[in-house]
């Protein structure tokens, strides 16, 4: 799913369609597309996604611990 998103976004950047002339004049370097379509970029995005998932899980865990501590009359961790 991540690779498909990268591919579709790359296609829209390479072929801007019927945008204004100012946008069409802005050239994106070919090296940028090589980077975006490369394995290091995919690995970076995959790592970032995993980090965000773990962060979200930890924040939810913290909320659960706070609720349980309040229910038991303990100090909130």
C-alpha atoms as a PDB file:
ATOM      1  CA  UNK A   1       0.000   0.000   0.000  1.00  0.00           C
ATOM      2  CA  UNK A   2       2.855   2.371   0.825  1.00  0.00           C
ATOM      3  CA  UNK A   3       4.621   1.600  -2.452  1.00  0.00           C
ATOM      4  CA  UNK A   4       1.386   2.222  -4.398  1.00  0.00           C
ATOM      5  CA  UNK A   5       0.976   5.607  -2.724  1.00  0.00           C
ATOM      6  CA  UNK A   6       4.550   6.574  -3.574  1.00  0.00           C
ATOM      7  CA  UNK A   7       4.013   5.499  -7.167  1.00  0.00           C
ATOM      8  CA  UNK A   8       0.761   7.446  -7.605  1.00  0.00           C
ATOM      9  CA  UNK A   9       2.164  10.587  -6.003  1.00  0.00           C
ATOM     10  CA  UNK A  10       5.275  10.381  -8.151  1.00  0.00           C
ATOM     11  CA  UNK A  11       3.120  10.120 -11.266  1.00  0.00           C
ATOM     12  CA  UNK A  12       1.131  13.207 -10.278  1.00  0.00           C
ATOM     13  CA  UNK A  13       4.348  15.162  -9.696  1.00  0.00           C
ATOM     14  CA  UNK A  14       5.837  14.143 -13.029  1.00  0.00           C
ATOM     15  CA  UNK A  15       2.628  14.930 -14.945  1.00  0.00           C
ATOM     16  CA  UNK A  16       1.006  17.934 -13.284  1.00  0.00           C
ATOM     17  CA  UNK A  17      -1.837  18.038 -15.819  1.00  0.00           C
ATOM     18  CA  UNK A  18      -3.756  21.272 -16.355  1.00  0.00           C
ATOM     19  CA  UNK A  19      -2.116  23.389 -13.662  1.00  0.00           C
ATOM     20  CA  UNK A  20      -1.315  27.051 -14.033  1.00  0.00           C
ATOM     21  CA  UNK A  21       1.731  28.140 -16.032  1.00  0.00           C
ATOM     22  CA  UNK A  22       3.591  29.133 -12.853  1.00  0.00           C
ATOM     23  CA  UNK A  23       3.379  25.606 -11.486  1.00  0.00           C
ATOM     24  CA  UNK A  24       4.432  24.082 -14.817  1.00  0.00           C
ATOM     25  CA  UNK A  25       7.500  26.343 -14.866  1.00  0.00           C
ATOM     26  CA  UNK A  26       8.724  24.914 -11.556  1.00  0.00           C
ATOM     27  CA  UNK A  27      10.990  22.055 -12.523  1.00  0.00           C
ATOM     28  CA  UNK A  28      11.561  19.204 -10.101  1.00  0.00           C
ATOM     29  CA  UNK A  29      15.073  17.745 -10.438  1.00  0.00           C
ATOM     30  CA  UNK A  30      15.288  14.243 -11.887  1.00  0.00           C
ATOM     31  CA  UNK A  31      17.430  13.176  -8.913  1.00  0.00           C
ATOM     32  CA  UNK A  32      14.488  13.865  -6.613  1.00  0.00           C
ATOM     33  CA  UNK A  33      12.366  11.329  -8.472  1.00  0.00           C
ATOM     34  CA  UNK A  34      15.183   8.802  -8.352  1.00  0.00           C
ATOM     35  CA  UNK A  35      15.381   9.284  -4.595  1.00  0.00           C
ATOM     36  CA  UNK A  36      11.614   9.072  -4.068  1.00  0.00           C
ATOM     37  CA  UNK A  37      11.341   5.873  -6.060  1.00  0.00           C
ATOM     38  CA  UNK A  38      14.391   4.293  -4.411  1.00  0.00           C
ATOM     39  CA  UNK A  39      14.603   1.767  -1.618  1.00  0.00           C
ATOM     40  CA  UNK A  40      16.120   4.157   0.990  1.00  0.00           C
ATOM     41  CA  UNK A  41      13.088   6.453   0.737  1.00  0.00           C
ATOM     42  CA  UNK A  42      10.700   3.530   1.097  1.00  0.00           C
ATOM     43  CA  UNK A  43      12.652   2.299   4.137  1.00  0.00           C
ATOM     44  CA  UNK A  44      12.511   5.769   5.661  1.00  0.00           C
ATOM     45  CA  UNK A  45       8.743   6.030   5.186  1.00  0.00           C
ATOM     46  CA  UNK A  46       8.203   2.513   6.488  1.00  0.00           C
ATOM     47  CA  UNK A  47      10.276   3.289   9.590  1.00  0.00           C
ATOM     48  CA  UNK A  48       8.404   6.536  10.130  1.00  0.00           C
ATOM     49  CA  UNK A  49       5.088   4.696   9.867  1.00  0.00           C
ATOM     50  CA  UNK A  50       6.200   2.091  12.406  1.00  0.00           C
ATOM     51  CA  UNK A  51       7.411   4.821  14.756  1.00  0.00           C
ATOM     52  CA  UNK A  52       4.055   6.613  14.580  1.00  0.00           C
ATOM     53  CA  UNK A  53       2.159   3.369  15.176  1.00  0.00           C
ATOM     54  CA  UNK A  54       4.260   2.614  18.261  1.00  0.00           C
ATOM     55  CA  UNK A  55       3.895   6.157  19.543  1.00  0.00           C
ATOM     56  CA  UNK A  56       0.121   5.946  19.118  1.00  0.00           C
ATOM     57  CA  UNK A  57       0.074   2.599  20.933  1.00  0.00           C
ATOM     58  CA  UNK A  58       2.097   4.011  23.833  1.00  0.00           C
ATOM     59  CA  UNK A  59      -0.138   7.059  24.131  1.00  0.00           C
ATOM     60  CA  UNK A  60      -3.202   4.815  24.271  1.00  0.00           C
ATOM     61  CA  UNK A  61      -1.511   2.643  26.901  1.00  0.00           C
ATOM     62  CA  UNK A  62      -0.766   5.754  28.979  1.00  0.00           C
ATOM     63  CA  UNK A  63      -4.448   6.746  28.824  1.00  0.00           C
ATOM     64  CA  UNK A  64      -5.531   3.283  29.951  1.00  0.00           C
ATOM     65  CA  UNK A  65      -3.052   3.337  32.851  1.00  0.00           C
ATOM     66  CA  UNK A  66      -4.291   6.765  33.961  1.00  0.00           C
ATOM     67  CA  UNK A  67      -7.927   5.619  33.966  1.00  0.00           C
ATOM     68  CA  UNK A  68      -7.086   2.440  35.885  1.00  0.00           C
ATOM     69  CA  UNK A  69      -5.054   4.389  38.454  1.00  0.00           C
ATOM     70  CA  UNK A  70      -7.917   6.817  39.044  1.00  0.00           C
ATOM     71  CA  UNK A  71     -10.392   3.943  39.436  1.00  0.00           C
ATOM     72  CA  UNK A  72      -8.173   2.318  42.060  1.00  0.00           C
ATOM     73  CA  UNK A  73      -7.418   5.593  43.830  1.00  0.00           C
ATOM     74  CA  UNK A  74      -3.706   5.415  43.030  1.00  0.00           C
ATOM     75  CA  UNK A  75      -1.330   8.102  41.803  1.00  0.00           C
ATOM     76  CA  UNK A  76      -1.448   8.602  38.070  1.00  0.00           C
ATOM     77  CA  UNK A  77       1.730   7.215  36.455  1.00  0.00           C
END
